[in-house]
Amino acid sequence: WMFLSDLYALSRERQPIEGKLNPSVGHIPEGTAFKVGLTSDEDGFMAV
C-alpha cells in the first residue's frame, strides 16, 4: 500500500486509463470468473 499510494500519486500526473470491472458490485467469491477491462485513449505500448 505504500507503493500503491505512490503509484496513485504518479497516475494523477499522467493521462488516465479507464478501468472497468465486471461484475462491478460487491466482493467476488472464490472460484468466480470476472473480467477487468483497461481502455487507453491513444495507441501505444503497454505493460500490465
ModelCIF file with pLDDT and N, C-alpha, C, O atoms, coordinates in Angstrom:
data_MODEL
#
_entry.id   MODEL 
#
_entity.id                         1 
_entity.type                       polymer 
_entity.pdbx_number_of_molecules   1 
#
_entity_poly.entity_id                      1 
_entity_poly.type                           'polypeptide(L)' 
_entity_poly.nstd_linkage                   no 
_entity_poly.nstd_monomer                   no 
_entity_poly.pdbx_seq_one_letter_code       WMFLSDLYALSRERQPIEGKLNPSVGHIPEGTAFKVGLTSDEDGFMAV 
_entity_poly.pdbx_seq_one_letter_code_can   WMFLSDLYALSRERQPIEGKLNPSVGHIPEGTAFKVGLTSDEDGFMAV 
_entity_poly.pdbx_strand_id                 A 
#
loop_
_entity_poly_seq.entity_id 
_entity_poly_seq.num 
_entity_poly_seq.mon_id 
_entity_poly_seq.hetero 
1 1  TRP n 
1 2  MET n 
1 3  PHE n 
1 4  LEU n 
1 5  SER n 
1 6  ASP n 
1 7  LEU n 
1 8  TYR n 
1 9  ALA n 
1 10 LEU n 
1 11 SER n 
1 12 ARG n 
1 13 GLU n 
1 14 ARG n 
1 15 GLN n 
1 16 PRO n 
1 17 ILE n 
1 18 GLU n 
1 19 GLY n 
1 20 LYS n 
1 21 LEU n 
1 22 ASN n 
1 23 PRO n 
1 24 SER n 
1 25 VAL n 
1 26 GLY n 
1 27 HIS n 
1 28 ILE n 
1 29 PRO n 
1 30 GLU n 
1 31 GLY n 
1 32 THR n 
1 33 ALA n 
1 34 PHE n 
1 35 LYS n 
1 36 VAL n 
1 37 GLY n 
1 38 LEU n 
1 39 THR n 
1 40 SER n 
1 41 ASP n 
1 42 GLU n 
1 43 ASP n 
1 44 GLY n 
1 45 PHE n 
1 46 MET n 
1 47 ALA n 
1 48 VAL n 
#
_struct_asym.id          A 
_struct_asym.entity_id   1 
#
loop_
_ma_qa_metric.id 
_ma_qa_metric.mode 
_ma_qa_metric.name 
_ma_qa_metric.software_group_id 
_ma_qa_metric.type 
1 global pLDDT . pLDDT 
2 local  pLDDT . pLDDT 
#
_ma_qa_metric_global.metric_id      1 
_ma_qa_metric_global.metric_value   90.56 
_ma_qa_metric_global.model_id       1 
_ma_qa_metric_global.ordinal_id     1 
#
loop_
_ma_qa_metric_local.label_asym_id 
_ma_qa_metric_local.label_comp_id 
_ma_qa_metric_local.label_seq_id 
_ma_qa_metric_local.metric_id 
_ma_qa_metric_local.metric_value 
_ma_qa_metric_local.model_id 
_ma_qa_metric_local.ordinal_id 
A TRP 1  2 95.00 1 1  
A MET 2  2 95.00 1 2  
A PHE 3  2 96.00 1 3  
A LEU 4  2 93.00 1 4  
A SER 5  2 91.00 1 5  
A ASP 6  2 93.00 1 6  
A LEU 7  2 94.00 1 7  
A TYR 8  2 89.00 1 8  
A ALA 9  2 88.00 1 9  
A LEU 10 2 92.00 1 10 
A SER 11 2 89.00 1 11 
A ARG 12 2 83.00 1 12 
A GLU 13 2 86.00 1 13 
A ARG 14 2 91.00 1 14 
A GLN 15 2 90.00 1 15 
A PRO 16 2 91.00 1 16 
A ILE 17 2 93.00 1 17 
A GLU 18 2 89.00 1 18 
A GLY 19 2 88.00 1 19 
A LYS 20 2 87.00 1 20 
A LEU 21 2 88.00 1 21 
A ASN 22 2 89.00 1 22 
A PRO 23 2 84.00 1 23 
A SER 24 2 76.00 1 24 
A VAL 25 2 67.00 1 25 
A GLY 26 2 73.00 1 26 
A HIS 27 2 85.00 1 27 
A ILE 28 2 91.00 1 28 
A PRO 29 2 93.00 1 29 
A GLU 30 2 95.00 1 30 
A GLY 31 2 95.00 1 31 
A THR 32 2 95.00 1 32 
A ALA 33 2 95.00 1 33 
A PHE 34 2 94.00 1 34 
A LYS 35 2 94.00 1 35 
A VAL 36 2 94.00 1 36 
A GLY 37 2 94.00 1 37 
A LEU 38 2 94.00 1 38 
A THR 39 2 93.00 1 39 
A SER 40 2 92.00 1 40 
A ASP 41 2 90.00 1 41 
A GLU 42 2 92.00 1 42 
A ASP 43 2 95.00 1 43 
A GLY 44 2 95.00 1 44 
A PHE 45 2 95.00 1 45 
A MET 46 2 95.00 1 46 
A ALA 47 2 95.00 1 47 
A VAL 48 2 96.00 1 48 
#
loop_
_atom_site.group_PDB 
_atom_site.id 
_atom_site.type_symbol 
_atom_site.label_atom_id 
_atom_site.label_alt_id 
_atom_site.label_comp_id 
_atom_site.label_asym_id 
_atom_site.label_entity_id 
_atom_site.label_seq_id 
_atom_site.pdbx_PDB_ins_code 
_atom_site.Cartn_x 
_atom_site.Cartn_y 
_atom_site.Cartn_z 
_atom_site.occupancy 
_atom_site.B_iso_or_equiv 
_atom_site.pdbx_formal_charge 
_atom_site.auth_seq_id 
_atom_site.auth_comp_id 
_atom_site.auth_asym_id 
_atom_site.auth_atom_id 
_atom_site.pdbx_PDB_model_num 
ATOM 1   N N  . TRP A 1 1  ? 0.815   -1.217  0.000   1.00 95.00 ? 1  TRP A N  1 
ATOM 2   C CA . TRP A 1 1  ? 0.000   0.000   0.000   1.00 95.00 ? 1  TRP A CA 1 
ATOM 3   C C  . TRP A 1 1  ? 0.845   1.262   0.000   1.00 95.00 ? 1  TRP A C  1 
ATOM 4   O O  . TRP A 1 1  ? 0.380   2.303   -0.465  1.00 95.00 ? 1  TRP A O  1 
ATOM 5   N N  . MET A 1 2  ? 2.058   1.206   0.500   1.00 95.00 ? 2  MET A N  1 
ATOM 6   C CA . MET A 1 2  ? 2.975   2.339   0.334   1.00 95.00 ? 2  MET A CA 1 
ATOM 7   C C  . MET A 1 2  ? 3.282   2.543   -1.147  1.00 95.00 ? 2  MET A C  1 
ATOM 8   O O  . MET A 1 2  ? 3.249   3.667   -1.648  1.00 95.00 ? 2  MET A O  1 
ATOM 9   N N  . PHE A 1 3  ? 3.580   1.446   -1.841  1.00 96.00 ? 3  PHE A N  1 
ATOM 10  C CA . PHE A 1 3  ? 3.873   1.530   -3.265  1.00 96.00 ? 3  PHE A CA 1 
ATOM 11  C C  . PHE A 1 3  ? 2.633   1.973   -4.039  1.00 96.00 ? 3  PHE A C  1 
ATOM 12  O O  . PHE A 1 3  ? 2.722   2.789   -4.956  1.00 96.00 ? 3  PHE A O  1 
ATOM 13  N N  . LEU A 1 4  ? 1.472   1.426   -3.662  1.00 93.00 ? 4  LEU A N  1 
ATOM 14  C CA . LEU A 1 4  ? 0.238   1.778   -4.334  1.00 93.00 ? 4  LEU A CA 1 
ATOM 15  C C  . LEU A 1 4  ? -0.082  3.257   -4.156  1.00 93.00 ? 4  LEU A C  1 
ATOM 16  O O  . LEU A 1 4  ? -0.541  3.914   -5.091  1.00 93.00 ? 4  LEU A O  1 
ATOM 17  N N  . SER A 1 5  ? 0.158   3.776   -2.963  1.00 91.00 ? 5  SER A N  1 
ATOM 18  C CA . SER A 1 5  ? -0.051  5.201   -2.708  1.00 91.00 ? 5  SER A CA 1 
ATOM 19  C C  . SER A 1 5  ? 0.820   6.060   -3.613  1.00 91.00 ? 5  SER A C  1 
ATOM 20  O O  . SER A 1 5  ? 0.356   7.054   -4.171  1.00 91.00 ? 5  SER A O  1 
ATOM 21  N N  . ASP A 1 6  ? 2.087   5.672   -3.756  1.00 93.00 ? 6  ASP A N  1 
ATOM 22  C CA . ASP A 1 6  ? 2.989   6.397   -4.660  1.00 93.00 ? 6  ASP A CA 1 
ATOM 23  C C  . ASP A 1 6  ? 2.527   6.276   -6.111  1.00 93.00 ? 6  ASP A C  1 
ATOM 24  O O  . ASP A 1 6  ? 2.619   7.228   -6.886  1.00 93.00 ? 6  ASP A O  1 
ATOM 25  N N  . LEU A 1 7  ? 2.031   5.092   -6.464  1.00 94.00 ? 7  LEU A N  1 
ATOM 26  C CA . LEU A 1 7  ? 1.570   4.868   -7.830  1.00 94.00 ? 7  LEU A CA 1 
ATOM 27  C C  . LEU A 1 7  ? 0.325   5.694   -8.123  1.00 94.00 ? 7  LEU A C  1 
ATOM 28  O O  . LEU A 1 7  ? 0.184   6.236   -9.220  1.00 94.00 ? 7  LEU A O  1 
ATOM 29  N N  . TYR A 1 8  ? -0.587  5.795   -7.142  1.00 89.00 ? 8  TYR A N  1 
ATOM 30  C CA . TYR A 1 8  ? -1.756  6.652   -7.303  1.00 89.00 ? 8  TYR A CA 1 
ATOM 31  C C  . TYR A 1 8  ? -1.335  8.092   -7.563  1.00 89.00 ? 8  TYR A C  1 
ATOM 32  O O  . TYR A 1 8  ? -1.852  8.749   -8.466  1.00 89.00 ? 8  TYR A O  1 
ATOM 33  N N  . ALA A 1 9  ? -0.383  8.577   -6.754  1.00 88.00 ? 9  ALA A N  1 
ATOM 34  C CA . ALA A 1 9  ? 0.074   9.959   -6.920  1.00 88.00 ? 9  ALA A CA 1 
ATOM 35  C C  . ALA A 1 9  ? 0.695   10.165  -8.296  1.00 88.00 ? 9  ALA A C  1 
ATOM 36  O O  . ALA A 1 9  ? 0.456   11.191  -8.934  1.00 88.00 ? 9  ALA A O  1 
ATOM 37  N N  . LEU A 1 10 ? 1.486   9.209   -8.757  1.00 92.00 ? 10 LEU A N  1 
ATOM 38  C CA . LEU A 1 10 ? 2.093   9.306   -10.081 1.00 92.00 ? 10 LEU A CA 1 
ATOM 39  C C  . LEU A 1 10 ? 1.024   9.276   -11.170 1.00 92.00 ? 10 LEU A C  1 
ATOM 40  O O  . LEU A 1 10 ? 1.130   9.993   -12.165 1.00 92.00 ? 10 LEU A O  1 
ATOM 41  N N  . SER A 1 11 ? -0.001  8.452   -10.986 1.00 89.00 ? 11 SER A N  1 
ATOM 42  C CA . SER A 1 11 ? -1.045  8.332   -12.010 1.00 89.00 ? 11 SER A CA 1 
ATOM 43  C C  . SER A 1 11 ? -1.783  9.646   -12.209 1.00 89.00 ? 11 SER A C  1 
ATOM 44  O O  . SER A 1 11 ? -2.267  9.924   -13.306 1.00 89.00 ? 11 SER A O  1 
ATOM 45  N N  . ARG A 1 12 ? -1.875  10.462  -11.156 1.00 83.00 ? 12 ARG A N  1 
ATOM 46  C CA . ARG A 1 12 ? -2.554  11.751  -11.287 1.00 83.00 ? 12 ARG A CA 1 
ATOM 47  C C  . ARG A 1 12 ? -1.728  12.760  -12.062 1.00 83.00 ? 12 ARG A C  1 
ATOM 48  O O  . ARG A 1 12 ? -2.230  13.814  -12.450 1.00 83.00 ? 12 ARG A O  1 
ATOM 49  N N  . GLU A 1 13 ? -0.454  12.437  -12.289 1.00 86.00 ? 13 GLU A N  1 
ATOM 50  C CA . GLU A 1 13 ? 0.404   13.289  -13.110 1.00 86.00 ? 13 GLU A CA 1 
ATOM 51  C C  . GLU A 1 13 ? 0.467   12.799  -14.560 1.00 86.00 ? 13 GLU A C  1 
ATOM 52  O O  . GLU A 1 13 ? 1.114   13.423  -15.401 1.00 86.00 ? 13 GLU A O  1 
ATOM 53  N N  . ARG A 1 14 ? -0.197  11.697  -14.844 1.00 91.00 ? 14 ARG A N  1 
ATOM 54  C CA . ARG A 1 14 ? -0.192  11.118  -16.183 1.00 91.00 ? 14 ARG A CA 1 
ATOM 55  C C  . ARG A 1 14 ? -1.618  11.064  -16.722 1.00 91.00 ? 14 ARG A C  1 
ATOM 56  O O  . ARG A 1 14 ? -2.574  11.333  -15.995 1.00 91.00 ? 14 ARG A O  1 
ATOM 57  N N  . GLN A 1 15 ? -1.755  10.720  -17.986 1.00 90.00 ? 15 GLN A N  1 
ATOM 58  C CA . GLN A 1 15 ? -3.083  10.549  -18.549 1.00 90.00 ? 15 GLN A CA 1 
ATOM 59  C C  . GLN A 1 15 ? -3.746  9.322   -17.930 1.00 90.00 ? 15 GLN A C  1 
ATOM 60  O O  . GLN A 1 15 ? -3.073  8.335   -17.629 1.00 90.00 ? 15 GLN A O  1 
ATOM 61  N N  . PRO A 1 16 ? -5.071  9.382   -17.738 1.00 91.00 ? 16 PRO A N  1 
ATOM 62  C CA . PRO A 1 16 ? -5.755  8.236   -17.140 1.00 91.00 ? 16 PRO A CA 1 
ATOM 63  C C  . PRO A 1 16 ? -6.029  7.139   -18.158 1.00 91.00 ? 16 PRO A C  1 
ATOM 64  O O  . PRO A 1 16 ? -6.164  7.400   -19.354 1.00 91.00 ? 16 PRO A O  1 
ATOM 65  N N  . ILE A 1 17 ? -6.106  5.926   -17.673 1.00 93.00 ? 17 ILE A N  1 
ATOM 66  C CA . ILE A 1 17 ? -6.557  4.771   -18.451 1.00 93.00 ? 17 ILE A CA 1 
ATOM 67  C C  . ILE A 1 17 ? -7.808  4.246   -17.768 1.00 93.00 ? 17 ILE A C  1 
ATOM 68  O O  . ILE A 1 17 ? -7.786  3.946   -16.575 1.00 93.00 ? 17 ILE A O  1 
ATOM 69  N N  . GLU A 1 18 ? -8.889  4.135   -18.509 1.00 89.00 ? 18 GLU A N  1 
ATOM 70  C CA . GLU A 1 18 ? -10.155 3.707   -17.923 1.00 89.00 ? 18 GLU A CA 1 
ATOM 71  C C  . GLU A 1 18 ? -10.098 2.250   -17.496 1.00 89.00 ? 18 GLU A C  1 
ATOM 72  O O  . GLU A 1 18 ? -9.690  1.379   -18.264 1.00 89.00 ? 18 GLU A O  1 
ATOM 73  N N  . GLY A 1 19 ? -10.510 1.996   -16.264 1.00 88.00 ? 19 GLY A N  1 
ATOM 74  C CA . GLY A 1 19 ? -10.559 0.630   -15.762 1.00 88.00 ? 19 GLY A CA 1 
ATOM 75  C C  . GLY A 1 19 ? -11.981 0.241   -15.414 1.00 88.00 ? 19 GLY A C  1 
ATOM 76  O O  . GLY A 1 19 ? -12.676 0.983   -14.721 1.00 88.00 ? 19 GLY A O  1 
ATOM 77  N N  . LYS A 1 20 ? -12.424 -0.920  -15.888 1.00 87.00 ? 20 LYS A N  1 
ATOM 78  C CA . LYS A 1 20 ? -13.771 -1.399  -15.589 1.00 87.00 ? 20 LYS A CA 1 
ATOM 79  C C  . LYS A 1 20 ? -13.723 -2.852  -15.147 1.00 87.00 ? 20 LYS A C  1 
ATOM 80  O O  . LYS A 1 20 ? -13.001 -3.674  -15.712 1.00 87.00 ? 20 LYS A O  1 
ATOM 81  N N  . LEU A 1 21 ? -14.510 -3.143  -14.124 1.00 88.00 ? 21 LEU A N  1 
ATOM 82  C CA . LEU A 1 21 ? -14.587 -4.481  -13.553 1.00 88.00 ? 21 LEU A CA 1 
ATOM 83  C C  . LEU A 1 21 ? -15.983 -5.048  -13.792 1.00 88.00 ? 21 LEU A C  1 
ATOM 84  O O  . LEU A 1 21 ? -16.981 -4.350  -13.608 1.00 88.00 ? 21 LEU A O  1 
ATOM 85  N N  . ASN A 1 22 ? -16.050 -6.306  -14.199 1.00 89.00 ? 22 ASN A N  1 
ATOM 86  C CA . ASN A 1 22 ? -17.328 -6.970  -14.414 1.00 89.00 ? 22 ASN A CA 1 
ATOM 87  C C  . ASN A 1 22 ? -17.283 -8.358  -13.760 1.00 89.00 ? 22 ASN A C  1 
ATOM 88  O O  . ASN A 1 22 ? -16.506 -9.208  -14.195 1.00 89.00 ? 22 ASN A O  1 
ATOM 89  N N  . PRO A 1 23 ? -18.108 -8.609  -12.713 1.00 84.00 ? 23 PRO A N  1 
ATOM 90  C CA . PRO A 1 23 ? -19.127 -7.734  -12.135 1.00 84.00 ? 23 PRO A CA 1 
ATOM 91  C C  . PRO A 1 23 ? -18.509 -6.573  -11.349 1.00 84.00 ? 23 PRO A C  1 
ATOM 92  O O  . PRO A 1 23 ? -17.410 -6.681  -10.806 1.00 84.00 ? 23 PRO A O  1 
ATOM 93  N N  . SER A 1 24 ? -19.252 -5.458  -11.306 1.00 76.00 ? 24 SER A N  1 
ATOM 94  C CA . SER A 1 24 ? -18.686 -4.231  -10.747 1.00 76.00 ? 24 SER A CA 1 
ATOM 95  C C  . SER A 1 24 ? -19.104 -3.967  -9.309  1.00 76.00 ? 24 SER A C  1 
ATOM 96  O O  . SER A 1 24 ? -18.591 -3.037  -8.688  1.00 76.00 ? 24 SER A O  1 
ATOM 97  N N  . VAL A 1 25 ? -20.023 -4.762  -8.761  1.00 67.00 ? 25 VAL A N  1 
ATOM 98  C CA . VAL A 1 25 ? -20.555 -4.503  -7.427  1.00 67.00 ? 25 VAL A CA 1 
ATOM 99  C C  . VAL A 1 25 ? -20.285 -5.702  -6.517  1.00 67.00 ? 25 VAL A C  1 
ATOM 100 O O  . VAL A 1 25 ? -20.451 -6.855  -6.916  1.00 67.00 ? 25 VAL A O  1 
ATOM 101 N N  . GLY A 1 26 ? -19.864 -5.399  -5.281  1.00 73.00 ? 26 GLY A N  1 
ATOM 102 C CA . GLY A 1 26 ? -19.704 -6.448  -4.291  1.00 73.00 ? 26 GLY A CA 1 
ATOM 103 C C  . GLY A 1 26 ? -18.343 -7.110  -4.321  1.00 73.00 ? 26 GLY A C  1 
ATOM 104 O O  . GLY A 1 26 ? -17.500 -6.788  -5.159  1.00 73.00 ? 26 GLY A O  1 
ATOM 105 N N  . HIS A 1 27 ? -18.133 -8.047  -3.392  1.00 85.00 ? 27 HIS A N  1 
ATOM 106 C CA . HIS A 1 27 ? -16.922 -8.846  -3.347  1.00 85.00 ? 27 HIS A CA 1 
ATOM 107 C C  . HIS A 1 27 ? -17.101 -10.072 -4.237  1.00 85.00 ? 27 HIS A C  1 
ATOM 108 O O  . HIS A 1 27 ? -18.181 -10.663 -4.268  1.00 85.00 ? 27 HIS A O  1 
ATOM 109 N N  . ILE A 1 28 ? -16.069 -10.451 -4.949  1.00 91.00 ? 28 ILE A N  1 
ATOM 110 C CA . ILE A 1 28 ? -16.151 -11.576 -5.878  1.00 91.00 ? 28 ILE A CA 1 
ATOM 111 C C  . ILE A 1 28 ? -15.785 -12.859 -5.128  1.00 91.00 ? 28 ILE A C  1 
ATOM 112 O O  . ILE A 1 28 ? -14.673 -12.974 -4.613  1.00 91.00 ? 28 ILE A O  1 
ATOM 113 N N  . PRO A 1 29 ? -16.718 -13.833 -5.061  1.00 93.00 ? 29 PRO A N  1 
ATOM 114 C CA . PRO A 1 29 ? -16.458 -15.056 -4.285  1.00 93.00 ? 29 PRO A CA 1 
ATOM 115 C C  . PRO A 1 29 ? -15.415 -15.960 -4.946  1.00 93.00 ? 29 PRO A C  1 
ATOM 116 O O  . PRO A 1 29 ? -15.215 -15.921 -6.161  1.00 93.00 ? 29 PRO A O  1 
ATOM 117 N N  . GLU A 1 30 ? -14.770 -16.756 -4.134  1.00 95.00 ? 30 GLU A N  1 
ATOM 118 C CA . GLU A 1 30 ? -13.770 -17.724 -4.577  1.00 95.00 ? 30 GLU A CA 1 
ATOM 119 C C  . GLU A 1 30 ? -14.300 -18.568 -5.736  1.00 95.00 ? 30 GLU A C  1 
ATOM 120 O O  . GLU A 1 30 ? -15.419 -19.080 -5.689  1.00 95.00 ? 30 GLU A O  1 
ATOM 121 N N  . GLY A 1 31 ? -13.472 -18.703 -6.779  1.00 95.00 ? 31 GLY A N  1 
ATOM 122 C CA . GLY A 1 31 ? -13.822 -19.518 -7.934  1.00 95.00 ? 31 GLY A CA 1 
ATOM 123 C C  . GLY A 1 31 ? -14.650 -18.817 -8.983  1.00 95.00 ? 31 GLY A C  1 
ATOM 124 O O  . GLY A 1 31 ? -14.864 -19.373 -10.060 1.00 95.00 ? 31 GLY A O  1 
ATOM 125 N N  . THR A 1 32 ? -15.132 -17.600 -8.706  1.00 95.00 ? 32 THR A N  1 
ATOM 126 C CA . THR A 1 32 ? -15.984 -16.871 -9.647  1.00 95.00 ? 32 THR A CA 1 
ATOM 127 C C  . THR A 1 32 ? -15.143 -16.194 -10.717 1.00 95.00 ? 32 THR A C  1 
ATOM 128 O O  . THR A 1 32 ? -14.137 -15.553 -10.412 1.00 95.00 ? 32 THR A O  1 
ATOM 129 N N  . ALA A 1 33 ? -15.554 -16.335 -11.964 1.00 95.00 ? 33 ALA A N  1 
ATOM 130 C CA . ALA A 1 33 ? -14.864 -15.674 -13.068 1.00 95.00 ? 33 ALA A CA 1 
ATOM 131 C C  . ALA A 1 33 ? -15.239 -14.186 -13.098 1.00 95.00 ? 33 ALA A C  1 
ATOM 132 O O  . ALA A 1 33 ? -16.376 -13.816 -12.806 1.00 95.00 ? 33 ALA A O  1 
ATOM 133 N N  . PHE A 1 34 ? -14.284 -13.359 -13.450 1.00 94.00 ? 34 PHE A N  1 
ATOM 134 C CA . PHE A 1 34 ? -14.558 -11.931 -13.612 1.00 94.00 ? 34 PHE A CA 1 
ATOM 135 C C  . PHE A 1 34 ? -13.632 -11.372 -14.690 1.00 94.00 ? 34 PHE A C  1 
ATOM 136 O O  . PHE A 1 34 ? -12.654 -12.007 -15.085 1.00 94.00 ? 34 PHE A O  1 
ATOM 137 N N  . LYS A 1 35 ? -13.963 -10.177 -15.149 1.00 94.00 ? 35 LYS A N  1 
ATOM 138 C CA . LYS A 1 35 ? -13.183 -9.534  -16.200 1.00 94.00 ? 35 LYS A CA 1 
ATOM 139 C C  . LYS A 1 35 ? -12.734 -8.151  -15.743 1.00 94.00 ? 35 LYS A C  1 
ATOM 140 O O  . LYS A 1 35 ? -13.465 -7.435  -15.059 1.00 94.00 ? 35 LYS A O  1 
ATOM 141 N N  . VAL A 1 36 ? -11.520 -7.794  -16.136 1.00 94.00 ? 36 VAL A N  1 
ATOM 142 C CA . VAL A 1 36 ? -11.005 -6.444  -15.932 1.00 94.00 ? 36 VAL A CA 1 
ATOM 143 C C  . VAL A 1 36 ? -10.672 -5.884  -17.312 1.00 94.00 ? 36 VAL A C  1 
ATOM 144 O O  . VAL A 1 36 ? -9.858  -6.446  -18.046 1.00 94.00 ? 36 VAL A O  1 
ATOM 145 N N  . GLY A 1 37 ? -11.312 -4.771  -17.650 1.00 94.00 ? 37 GLY A N  1 
ATOM 146 C CA . GLY A 1 37 ? -11.052 -4.120  -18.934 1.00 94.00 ? 37 GLY A CA 1 
ATOM 147 C C  . GLY A 1 37 ? -10.319 -2.815  -18.737 1.00 94.00 ? 37 GLY A C  1 
ATOM 148 O O  . GLY A 1 37 ? -10.732 -1.988  -17.924 1.00 94.00 ? 37 GLY A O  1 
ATOM 149 N N  . LEU A 1 38 ? -9.236  -2.615  -19.469 1.00 94.00 ? 38 LEU A N  1 
ATOM 150 C CA . LEU A 1 38 ? -8.436  -1.389  -19.401 1.00 94.00 ? 38 LEU A CA 1 
ATOM 151 C C  . LEU A 1 38 ? -8.416  -0.758  -20.787 1.00 94.00 ? 38 LEU A C  1 
ATOM 152 O O  . LEU A 1 38 ? -8.009  -1.397  -21.757 1.00 94.00 ? 38 LEU A O  1 
ATOM 153 N N  . THR A 1 39 ? -8.856  0.494   -20.880 1.00 93.00 ? 39 THR A N  1 
ATOM 154 C CA . THR A 1 39 ? -9.015  1.151   -22.175 1.00 93.00 ? 39 THR A CA 1 
ATOM 155 C C  . THR A 1 39 ? -8.181  2.411   -22.238 1.00 93.00 ? 39 THR A C  1 
ATOM 156 O O  . THR A 1 39 ? -8.334  3.315   -21.417 1.00 93.00 ? 39 THR A O  1 
ATOM 157 N N  . SER A 1 40 ? -7.291  2.463   -23.227 1.00 92.00 ? 40 SER A N  1 
ATOM 158 C CA . SER A 1 40 ? -6.433  3.618   -23.449 1.00 92.00 ? 40 SER A CA 1 
ATOM 159 C C  . SER A 1 40 ? -7.052  4.529   -24.502 1.00 92.00 ? 40 SER A C  1 
ATOM 160 O O  . SER A 1 40 ? -7.710  4.054   -25.427 1.00 92.00 ? 40 SER A O  1 
ATOM 161 N N  . ASP A 1 41 ? -6.842  5.840   -24.365 1.00 90.00 ? 41 ASP A N  1 
ATOM 162 C CA . ASP A 1 41 ? -7.359  6.793   -25.343 1.00 90.00 ? 41 ASP A CA 1 
ATOM 163 C C  . ASP A 1 41 ? -6.462  6.909   -26.569 1.00 90.00 ? 41 ASP A C  1 
ATOM 164 O O  . ASP A 1 41 ? -6.869  7.482   -27.580 1.00 90.00 ? 41 ASP A O  1 
ATOM 165 N N  . GLU A 1 42 ? -5.255  6.375   -26.493 1.00 92.00 ? 42 GLU A N  1 
ATOM 166 C CA . GLU A 1 42 ? -4.303  6.506   -27.598 1.00 92.00 ? 42 GLU A CA 1 
ATOM 167 C C  . GLU A 1 42 ? -3.606  5.171   -27.840 1.00 92.00 ? 42 GLU A C  1 
ATOM 168 O O  . GLU A 1 42 ? -3.538  4.314   -26.959 1.00 92.00 ? 42 GLU A O  1 
ATOM 169 N N  . ASP A 1 43 ? -3.088  5.018   -29.068 1.00 95.00 ? 43 ASP A N  1 
ATOM 170 C CA . ASP A 1 43 ? -2.258  3.856   -29.366 1.00 95.00 ? 43 ASP A CA 1 
ATOM 171 C C  . ASP A 1 43 ? -0.962  3.933   -28.563 1.00 95.00 ? 43 ASP A C  1 
ATOM 172 O O  . ASP A 1 43 ? -0.536  5.013   -28.155 1.00 95.00 ? 43 ASP A O  1 
ATOM 173 N N  . GLY A 1 44 ? -0.351  2.792   -28.346 1.00 95.00 ? 44 GLY A N  1 
ATOM 174 C CA . GLY A 1 44 ? 0.926   2.801   -27.649 1.00 95.00 ? 44 GLY A CA 1 
ATOM 175 C C  . GLY A 1 44 ? 1.364   1.397   -27.306 1.00 95.00 ? 44 GLY A C  1 
ATOM 176 O O  . GLY A 1 44 ? 0.907   0.417   -27.895 1.00 95.00 ? 44 GLY A O  1 
ATOM 177 N N  . PHE A 1 45 ? 2.260   1.320   -26.337 1.00 95.00 ? 45 PHE A N  1 
ATOM 178 C CA . PHE A 1 45 ? 2.786   0.039   -25.876 1.00 95.00 ? 45 PHE A CA 1 
ATOM 179 C C  . PHE A 1 45 ? 2.519   -0.068  -24.376 1.00 95.00 ? 45 PHE A C  1 
ATOM 180 O O  . PHE A 1 45 ? 2.529   0.935   -23.663 1.00 95.00 ? 45 PHE A O  1 
ATOM 181 N N  . MET A 1 46 ? 2.280   -1.292  -23.904 1.00 95.00 ? 46 MET A N  1 
ATOM 182 C CA . MET A 1 46 ? 1.818   -1.466  -22.531 1.00 95.00 ? 46 MET A CA 1 
ATOM 183 C C  . MET A 1 46 ? 2.634   -2.496  -21.771 1.00 95.00 ? 46 MET A C  1 
ATOM 184 O O  . MET A 1 46 ? 3.306   -3.355  -22.341 1.00 95.00 ? 46 MET A O  1 
ATOM 185 N N  . ALA A 1 47 ? 2.542   -2.365  -20.470 1.00 95.00 ? 47 ALA A N  1 
ATOM 186 C CA . ALA A 1 47 ? 2.944   -3.415  -19.532 1.00 95.00 ? 47 ALA A CA 1 
ATOM 187 C C  . ALA A 1 47 ? 1.839   -3.491  -18.492 1.00 95.00 ? 47 ALA A C  1 
ATOM 188 O O  . ALA A 1 47 ? 1.376   -2.462  -18.001 1.00 95.00 ? 47 ALA A O  1 
ATOM 189 N N  . VAL A 1 48 ? 1.417   -4.689  -18.156 1.00 96.00 ? 48 VAL A N  1 
ATOM 190 C CA . VAL A 1 48 ? 0.323   -4.875  -17.200 1.00 96.00 ? 48 VAL A CA 1 
ATOM 191 C C  . VAL A 1 48 ? 0.802   -5.820  -16.100 1.00 96.00 ? 48 VAL A C  1 
ATOM 192 O O  . VAL A 1 48 ? 0.047   -6.127  -15.178 1.00 96.00 ? 48 VAL A O  1 
#
